[in-house]
Amino acid sequence: MSQRVLFVAGAKATAPLLLGILPFAVIAGATAVAADLPLLAAHALSFVIFAGASQLATIELLDRGTPIAIVVLTALLINLRMLMYSASIAPHFKNLSSKWKTLIAYLLTDQAFALSIARYEQEISEVGKRWFYLGAAFSLWFFWQLGTAAGIYMGAALPPELSFEFAIPLTFMALLFPLIRNRPSWIAAATAAVVAVLGHGLPFNLGFIAAALSGSVAALLAEGWSHAH
């Protein structure tokens, strides 16, 4: 198949996912405005981070006046799973130039990774793998930017009484619950929730960091215990 056909195939593969992605993108844009970020900063945040959960967390922490170091650390912790994705998908692009690898890394998301790895089971060529991935990843990037832009300008146009102050926690809940499928994930969620409540009064939103770390450790311990038994 030609590069164009493979690119279009990757883009088409994202179609069923857009119904879930676009509302989150709109909320991310609207909450950036609700957090009093300038329009240019709200757009830049979406371009630079391009990761739904960490983008929403960054907006929430900035809105609370959290120190930048804590904001950056939180975003990095949330995106640690990208290291696993990168290690898994890297062998498929090992012969590409650094410029291609940089672009592929920037566009990497949960959805682009999952769609591409599933496609690669069909043993398409290295060129085919690249263009299918780029089609899927760029489509997701484009619609995320489109959705956040819509949210930014919708949020800016809304009167104050129609605020989005509850959008971020509700969005996090919507992102979280589908991921809780087994005992380790339940233990991780419960541990993080308890630590978050207990650490609510800590300065610089350190309770948020403590909750994320404790949830991760609890998940690792629970996973190890389940394998041992």
C-alpha atoms as a PDB file:
ATOM      1  CA  MET A   1       0.000   0.000   0.000  1.00  0.00           C
ATOM      2  CA  SER A   2       1.095   3.582  -0.650  1.00  0.00           C
ATOM      3  CA  GLN A   3       2.136   5.953   2.112  1.00  0.00           C
ATOM      4  CA  ARG A   4      -1.030   8.002   1.574  1.00  0.00           C
ATOM      5  CA  VAL A   5      -3.300   4.958   1.876  1.00  0.00           C
ATOM      6  CA  LEU A   6      -1.568   3.880   5.095  1.00  0.00           C
ATOM      7  CA  PHE A   7      -1.741   7.406   6.536  1.00  0.00           C
ATOM      8  CA  VAL A   8      -5.470   7.584   5.783  1.00  0.00           C
ATOM      9  CA  ALA A   9      -5.968   4.102   7.269  1.00  0.00           C
ATOM     10  CA  GLY A  10      -4.335   5.266  10.493  1.00  0.00           C
ATOM     11  CA  ALA A  11      -6.507   8.380  10.579  1.00  0.00           C
ATOM     12  CA  LYS A  12      -9.680   6.356   9.956  1.00  0.00           C
ATOM     13  CA  ALA A  13      -8.774   3.969  12.776  1.00  0.00           C
ATOM     14  CA  THR A  14      -9.104   6.847  15.254  1.00  0.00           C
ATOM     15  CA  ALA A  15     -12.691   7.684  14.245  1.00  0.00           C
ATOM     16  CA  PRO A  16     -14.416   5.588  16.967  1.00  0.00           C
ATOM     17  CA  LEU A  17     -12.202   7.218  19.609  1.00  0.00           C
ATOM     18  CA  LEU A  18     -13.011  10.812  18.732  1.00  0.00           C
ATOM     19  CA  LEU A  19     -16.385  10.777  20.503  1.00  0.00           C
ATOM     20  CA  GLY A  20     -14.496  10.255  23.742  1.00  0.00           C
ATOM     21  CA  ILE A  21     -11.539  12.520  22.977  1.00  0.00           C
ATOM     22  CA  LEU A  22     -13.298  15.652  21.737  1.00  0.00           C
ATOM     23  CA  PRO A  23     -15.369  16.293  24.914  1.00  0.00           C
ATOM     24  CA  PHE A  24     -12.226  16.000  27.071  1.00  0.00           C
ATOM     25  CA  ALA A  25     -10.395  18.366  24.726  1.00  0.00           C
ATOM     26  CA  VAL A  26     -13.201  20.916  24.956  1.00  0.00           C
ATOM     27  CA  ILE A  27     -13.191  20.647  28.752  1.00  0.00           C
ATOM     28  CA  ALA A  28      -9.397  21.059  28.845  1.00  0.00           C
ATOM     29  CA  GLY A  29      -9.649  24.251  26.819  1.00  0.00           C
ATOM     30  CA  ALA A  30     -12.564  25.631  28.819  1.00  0.00           C
ATOM     31  CA  THR A  31     -10.940  24.902  32.169  1.00  0.00           C
ATOM     32  CA  ALA A  32      -7.739  26.621  31.046  1.00  0.00           C
ATOM     33  CA  VAL A  33      -9.770  29.779  30.532  1.00  0.00           C
ATOM     34  CA  ALA A  34     -11.641  29.212  33.803  1.00  0.00           C
ATOM     35  CA  ALA A  35      -8.243  29.046  35.524  1.00  0.00           C
ATOM     36  CA  ASP A  36      -7.534  32.553  34.141  1.00  0.00           C
ATOM     37  CA  LEU A  37      -4.784  31.422  31.787  1.00  0.00           C
ATOM     38  CA  PRO A  38      -4.254  33.887  28.913  1.00  0.00           C
ATOM     39  CA  LEU A  39      -5.561  32.614  25.576  1.00  0.00           C
ATOM     40  CA  LEU A  40      -2.049  32.285  24.145  1.00  0.00           C
ATOM     41  CA  ALA A  41      -0.882  30.339  27.217  1.00  0.00           C
ATOM     42  CA  ALA A  42      -3.915  28.038  27.003  1.00  0.00           C
ATOM     43  CA  HIS A  43      -3.112  27.242  23.369  1.00  0.00           C
ATOM     44  CA  ALA A  44       0.593  26.788  24.142  1.00  0.00           C
ATOM     45  CA  LEU A  45      -0.221  24.386  26.971  1.00  0.00           C
ATOM     46  CA  SER A  46      -2.163  22.177  24.578  1.00  0.00           C
ATOM     47  CA  PHE A  47       0.591  22.239  21.946  1.00  0.00           C
ATOM     48  CA  VAL A  48       3.478  21.633  24.342  1.00  0.00           C
ATOM     49  CA  ILE A  49       1.976  18.995  26.652  1.00  0.00           C
ATOM     50  CA  PHE A  50      -0.497  17.240  24.319  1.00  0.00           C
ATOM     51  CA  ALA A  51      -1.498  14.745  27.009  1.00  0.00           C
ATOM     52  CA  GLY A  52      -5.007  14.904  28.403  1.00  0.00           C
ATOM     53  CA  ALA A  53      -4.568  13.837  32.021  1.00  0.00           C
ATOM     54  CA  SER A  54      -1.339  15.761  32.651  1.00  0.00           C
ATOM     55  CA  GLN A  55      -2.728  18.800  30.828  1.00  0.00           C
ATOM     56  CA  LEU A  56      -5.782  18.864  33.083  1.00  0.00           C
ATOM     57  CA  ALA A  57      -3.640  18.315  36.174  1.00  0.00           C
ATOM     58  CA  THR A  58      -1.325  21.148  35.129  1.00  0.00           C
ATOM     59  CA  ILE A  59      -4.258  23.520  34.706  1.00  0.00           C
ATOM     60  CA  GLU A  60      -5.688  22.591  38.099  1.00  0.00           C
ATOM     61  CA  LEU A  61      -2.368  23.030  39.896  1.00  0.00           C
ATOM     62  CA  LEU A  62      -1.636  26.346  38.173  1.00  0.00           C
ATOM     63  CA  ASP A  63      -5.103  27.531  39.183  1.00  0.00           C
ATOM     64  CA  ARG A  64      -4.242  26.717  42.818  1.00  0.00           C
ATOM     65  CA  GLY A  65      -1.005  28.694  42.651  1.00  0.00           C
ATOM     66  CA  THR A  66       1.176  25.598  42.990  1.00  0.00           C
ATOM     67  CA  PRO A  67       4.947  26.162  42.513  1.00  0.00           C
ATOM     68  CA  ILE A  68       6.114  25.415  38.977  1.00  0.00           C
ATOM     69  CA  ALA A  69       8.502  22.684  40.162  1.00  0.00           C
ATOM     70  CA  ILE A  70       5.578  20.737  41.673  1.00  0.00           C
ATOM     71  CA  VAL A  71       3.492  21.272  38.531  1.00  0.00           C
ATOM     72  CA  VAL A  72       6.271  19.916  36.307  1.00  0.00           C
ATOM     73  CA  LEU A  73       6.931  16.957  38.634  1.00  0.00           C
ATOM     74  CA  THR A  74       3.237  16.058  38.660  1.00  0.00           C
ATOM     75  CA  ALA A  75       3.015  16.149  34.861  1.00  0.00           C
ATOM     76  CA  LEU A  76       6.105  13.947  34.596  1.00  0.00           C
ATOM     77  CA  LEU A  77       4.712  11.414  37.070  1.00  0.00           C
ATOM     78  CA  ILE A  78       1.419  11.192  35.211  1.00  0.00           C
ATOM     79  CA  ASN A  79       3.266  10.614  31.934  1.00  0.00           C
ATOM     80  CA  LEU A  80       5.647   7.933  33.214  1.00  0.00           C
ATOM     81  CA  ARG A  81       3.646   5.320  31.314  1.00  0.00           C
ATOM     82  CA  MET A  82       4.969   6.873  28.103  1.00  0.00           C
ATOM     83  CA  LEU A  83       8.363   5.359  28.908  1.00  0.00           C
ATOM     84  CA  MET A  84       6.785   1.911  28.744  1.00  0.00           C
ATOM     85  CA  TYR A  85       5.013   2.760  25.486  1.00  0.00           C
ATOM     86  CA  SER A  86       8.240   4.123  24.007  1.00  0.00           C
ATOM     87  CA  ALA A  87      10.212   1.012  24.922  1.00  0.00           C
ATOM     88  CA  SER A  88       7.538  -1.174  23.326  1.00  0.00           C
ATOM     89  CA  ILE A  89       7.121   0.749  20.080  1.00  0.00           C
ATOM     90  CA  ALA A  90      10.754   1.838  19.547  1.00  0.00           C
ATOM     91  CA  PRO A  91      11.894  -1.408  17.835  1.00  0.00           C
ATOM     92  CA  HIS A  92       9.421  -0.727  15.023  1.00  0.00           C
ATOM     93  CA  PHE A  93      11.172   2.583  14.247  1.00  0.00           C
ATOM     94  CA  LYS A  94      14.788   1.701  15.024  1.00  0.00           C
ATOM     95  CA  ASN A  95      16.067   2.569  11.527  1.00  0.00           C
ATOM     96  CA  LEU A  96      14.466   6.014  11.322  1.00  0.00           C
ATOM     97  CA  SER A  97      16.372   9.286  11.616  1.00  0.00           C
ATOM     98  CA  SER A  98      16.411  11.335  14.813  1.00  0.00           C
ATOM     99  CA  LYS A  99      13.989  13.851  13.273  1.00  0.00           C
ATOM    100  CA  TRP A 100      11.406  11.146  12.587  1.00  0.00           C
ATOM    101  CA  LYS A 101      11.870   9.654  16.054  1.00  0.00           C
ATOM    102  CA  THR A 102      11.404  13.088  17.648  1.00  0.00           C
ATOM    103  CA  LEU A 103       8.133  13.609  15.773  1.00  0.00           C
ATOM    104  CA  ILE A 104       6.922  10.110  16.666  1.00  0.00           C
ATOM    105  CA  ALA A 105       7.782  10.676  20.336  1.00  0.00           C
ATOM    106  CA  TYR A 106       5.945  14.021  20.425  1.00  0.00           C
ATOM    107  CA  LEU A 107       2.792  12.488  18.940  1.00  0.00           C
ATOM    108  CA  LEU A 108       2.793   9.421  21.215  1.00  0.00           C
ATOM    109  CA  THR A 109      -0.449   8.931  23.146  1.00  0.00           C
ATOM    110  CA  ASP A 110      -2.287   6.003  24.725  1.00  0.00           C
ATOM    111  CA  GLN A 111      -4.598   5.728  21.733  1.00  0.00           C
ATOM    112  CA  ALA A 112      -1.928   6.078  19.030  1.00  0.00           C
ATOM    113  CA  PHE A 113       0.166   3.433  20.768  1.00  0.00           C
ATOM    114  CA  ALA A 114      -2.708   0.958  21.149  1.00  0.00           C
ATOM    115  CA  LEU A 115      -3.947   1.348  17.569  1.00  0.00           C
ATOM    116  CA  SER A 116      -0.465   1.045  16.084  1.00  0.00           C
ATOM    117  CA  ILE A 117       0.667  -1.963  18.105  1.00  0.00           C
ATOM    118  CA  ALA A 118      -2.533  -3.793  17.136  1.00  0.00           C
ATOM    119  CA  ARG A 119      -1.907  -2.955  13.481  1.00  0.00           C
ATOM    120  CA  TYR A 120       1.718  -4.071  13.632  1.00  0.00           C
ATOM    121  CA  GLU A 121       0.583  -7.624  14.354  1.00  0.00           C
ATOM    122  CA  GLN A 122      -0.256  -7.758  10.647  1.00  0.00           C
ATOM    123  CA  GLU A 123       3.485  -7.493   9.937  1.00  0.00           C
ATOM    124  CA  ILE A 124       3.362  -4.483   7.643  1.00  0.00           C
ATOM    125  CA  SER A 125       6.659  -3.006   6.460  1.00  0.00           C
ATOM    126  CA  GLU A 126       8.679  -0.496   8.460  1.00  0.00           C
ATOM    127  CA  VAL A 127       7.579   2.273   6.096  1.00  0.00           C
ATOM    128  CA  GLY A 128       3.993   1.099   6.462  1.00  0.00           C
ATOM    129  CA  LYS A 129       4.270   1.098  10.235  1.00  0.00           C
ATOM    130  CA  ARG A 130       5.564   4.662  10.196  1.00  0.00           C
ATOM    131  CA  TRP A 131       2.801   6.076   8.016  1.00  0.00           C
ATOM    132  CA  PHE A 132      -0.009   4.207   9.750  1.00  0.00           C
ATOM    133  CA  TYR A 133       1.264   5.521  13.097  1.00  0.00           C
ATOM    134  CA  LEU A 134       1.564   9.068  11.768  1.00  0.00           C
ATOM    135  CA  GLY A 135      -1.962   8.922  10.359  1.00  0.00           C
ATOM    136  CA  ALA A 136      -3.409   7.796  13.678  1.00  0.00           C
ATOM    137  CA  ALA A 137      -1.241  10.037  15.841  1.00  0.00           C
ATOM    138  CA  PHE A 138      -1.670  13.176  13.738  1.00  0.00           C
ATOM    139  CA  SER A 139      -5.437  12.691  13.576  1.00  0.00           C
ATOM    140  CA  LEU A 140      -5.569  12.481  17.368  1.00  0.00           C
ATOM    141  CA  TRP A 141      -3.307  15.540  17.669  1.00  0.00           C
ATOM    142  CA  PHE A 142      -5.392  17.562  15.209  1.00  0.00           C
ATOM    143  CA  PHE A 143      -8.725  16.852  16.863  1.00  0.00           C
ATOM    144  CA  TRP A 144      -7.272  17.424  20.336  1.00  0.00           C
ATOM    145  CA  GLN A 145      -6.038  20.867  19.265  1.00  0.00           C
ATOM    146  CA  LEU A 146      -9.360  21.565  17.558  1.00  0.00           C
ATOM    147  CA  GLY A 147     -11.302  20.553  20.665  1.00  0.00           C
ATOM    148  CA  THR A 148      -9.138  22.549  23.063  1.00  0.00           C
ATOM    149  CA  ALA A 149      -9.385  25.606  20.801  1.00  0.00           C
ATOM    150  CA  ALA A 150     -13.174  25.266  20.801  1.00  0.00           C
ATOM    151  CA  GLY A 151     -13.149  24.942  24.594  1.00  0.00           C
ATOM    152  CA  ILE A 152     -10.869  27.953  24.994  1.00  0.00           C
ATOM    153  CA  TYR A 153     -13.115  30.268  22.996  1.00  0.00           C
ATOM    154  CA  MET A 154     -16.342  28.786  24.336  1.00  0.00           C
ATOM    155  CA  GLY A 155     -15.006  29.202  27.870  1.00  0.00           C
ATOM    156  CA  ALA A 156     -13.942  32.777  27.193  1.00  0.00           C
ATOM    157  CA  ALA A 157     -17.411  33.587  25.853  1.00  0.00           C
ATOM    158  CA  LEU A 158     -19.343  32.088  28.773  1.00  0.00           C
ATOM    159  CA  PRO A 159     -20.677  34.381  31.503  1.00  0.00           C
ATOM    160  CA  PRO A 160     -19.125  33.945  34.992  1.00  0.00           C
ATOM    161  CA  GLU A 161     -22.222  32.228  36.401  1.00  0.00           C
ATOM    162  CA  LEU A 162     -21.659  29.330  33.958  1.00  0.00           C
ATOM    163  CA  SER A 163     -18.206  28.421  35.221  1.00  0.00           C
ATOM    164  CA  PHE A 164     -16.348  25.145  34.661  1.00  0.00           C
ATOM    165  CA  GLU A 165     -14.966  24.906  38.200  1.00  0.00           C
ATOM    166  CA  PHE A 166     -16.101  21.278  38.569  1.00  0.00           C
ATOM    167  CA  ALA A 167     -14.949  20.197  35.101  1.00  0.00           C
ATOM    168  CA  ILE A 168     -11.473  19.001  36.080  1.00  0.00           C
ATOM    169  CA  PRO A 169     -12.401  16.695  38.983  1.00  0.00           C
ATOM    170  CA  LEU A 170     -15.330  15.298  37.001  1.00  0.00           C
ATOM    171  CA  THR A 171     -13.064  14.675  34.029  1.00  0.00           C
ATOM    172  CA  PHE A 172     -10.496  12.915  36.199  1.00  0.00           C
ATOM    173  CA  MET A 173     -13.240  10.673  37.551  1.00  0.00           C
ATOM    174  CA  ALA A 174     -14.366   9.875  34.008  1.00  0.00           C
ATOM    175  CA  LEU A 175     -10.784   9.015  33.053  1.00  0.00           C
ATOM    176  CA  LEU A 176     -10.145   6.979  36.187  1.00  0.00           C
ATOM    177  CA  PHE A 177     -13.091   4.628  36.525  1.00  0.00           C
ATOM    178  CA  PRO A 178     -12.705   2.813  33.163  1.00  0.00           C
ATOM    179  CA  LEU A 179      -9.110   1.996  34.153  1.00  0.00           C
ATOM    180  CA  ILE A 180     -10.066   0.249  37.406  1.00  0.00           C
ATOM    181  CA  ARG A 181     -10.467  -3.316  36.167  1.00  0.00           C
ATOM    182  CA  ASN A 182      -8.602  -5.578  38.610  1.00  0.00           C
ATOM    183  CA  ARG A 183      -7.475  -5.879  42.223  1.00  0.00           C
ATOM    184  CA  PRO A 184      -4.154  -3.963  41.854  1.00  0.00           C
ATOM    185  CA  SER A 185      -5.920  -1.033  40.187  1.00  0.00           C
ATOM    186  CA  TRP A 186      -8.615  -0.971  42.893  1.00  0.00           C
ATOM    187  CA  ILE A 187      -5.935  -1.030  45.596  1.00  0.00           C
ATOM    188  CA  ALA A 188      -4.011   1.752  43.841  1.00  0.00           C
ATOM    189  CA  ALA A 189      -7.117   3.926  43.492  1.00  0.00           C
ATOM    190  CA  ALA A 190      -8.208   3.371  47.098  1.00  0.00           C
ATOM    191  CA  THR A 191      -4.720   4.060  48.474  1.00  0.00           C
ATOM    192  CA  ALA A 192      -4.320   7.223  46.417  1.00  0.00           C
ATOM    193  CA  ALA A 193      -7.783   8.439  47.444  1.00  0.00           C
ATOM    194  CA  VAL A 194      -7.090   7.941  51.164  1.00  0.00           C
ATOM    195  CA  VAL A 195      -3.685   9.649  50.966  1.00  0.00           C
ATOM    196  CA  ALA A 196      -5.160  12.525  48.943  1.00  0.00           C
ATOM    197  CA  VAL A 197      -7.824  13.132  51.595  1.00  0.00           C
ATOM    198  CA  LEU A 198      -5.339  12.884  54.475  1.00  0.00           C
ATOM    199  CA  GLY A 199      -2.850  15.137  52.691  1.00  0.00           C
ATOM    200  CA  HIS A 200      -5.383  17.723  51.575  1.00  0.00           C
ATOM    201  CA  GLY A 201      -3.993  20.381  53.905  1.00  0.00           C
ATOM    202  CA  LEU A 202      -0.329  19.987  52.965  1.00  0.00           C
ATOM    203  CA  PRO A 203       1.362  23.039  51.441  1.00  0.00           C
ATOM    204  CA  PHE A 204       2.145  23.313  47.716  1.00  0.00           C
ATOM    205  CA  ASN A 205      -0.384  20.544  46.978  1.00  0.00           C
ATOM    206  CA  LEU A 206       2.122  17.957  48.172  1.00  0.00           C
ATOM    207  CA  GLY A 207      -0.825  15.743  49.062  1.00  0.00           C
ATOM    208  CA  PHE A 208      -1.431  15.339  45.332  1.00  0.00           C
ATOM    209  CA  ILE A 209       2.143  14.126  44.781  1.00  0.00           C
ATOM    210  CA  ALA A 210       1.980  11.843  47.835  1.00  0.00           C
ATOM    211  CA  ALA A 211      -1.278  10.334  46.580  1.00  0.00           C
ATOM    212  CA  ALA A 212       0.164   9.636  43.127  1.00  0.00           C
ATOM    213  CA  LEU A 213       3.316   8.043  44.534  1.00  0.00           C
ATOM    214  CA  SER A 214       1.509   5.967  47.155  1.00  0.00           C
ATOM    215  CA  GLY A 215      -1.010   4.734  44.595  1.00  0.00           C
ATOM    216  CA  SER A 216       1.799   3.676  42.248  1.00  0.00           C
ATOM    217  CA  VAL A 217       3.676   1.861  45.020  1.00  0.00           C
ATOM    218  CA  ALA A 218       0.489   0.140  46.193  1.00  0.00           C
ATOM    219  CA  ALA A 219      -0.215  -1.045  42.645  1.00  0.00           C
ATOM    220  CA  LEU A 220       3.298  -2.457  42.264  1.00  0.00           C
ATOM    221  CA  LEU A 221       3.090  -4.290  45.590  1.00  0.00           C
ATOM    222  CA  ALA A 222      -0.361  -5.662  44.792  1.00  0.00           C
ATOM    223  CA  GLU A 223       0.786  -6.786  41.341  1.00  0.00           C
ATOM    224  CA  GLY A 224       3.818  -8.525  42.832  1.00  0.00           C
ATOM    225  CA  TRP A 225       1.694 -10.229  45.472  1.00  0.00           C
ATOM    226  CA  SER A 226      -0.811 -11.478  42.886  1.00  0.00           C
ATOM    227  CA  HIS A 227       1.978 -12.980  40.746  1.00  0.00           C
ATOM    228  CA  ALA A 228       3.536 -14.629  43.803  1.00  0.00           C
ATOM    229  CA  HIS A 229       0.228 -16.314  44.620  1.00  0.00           C
END
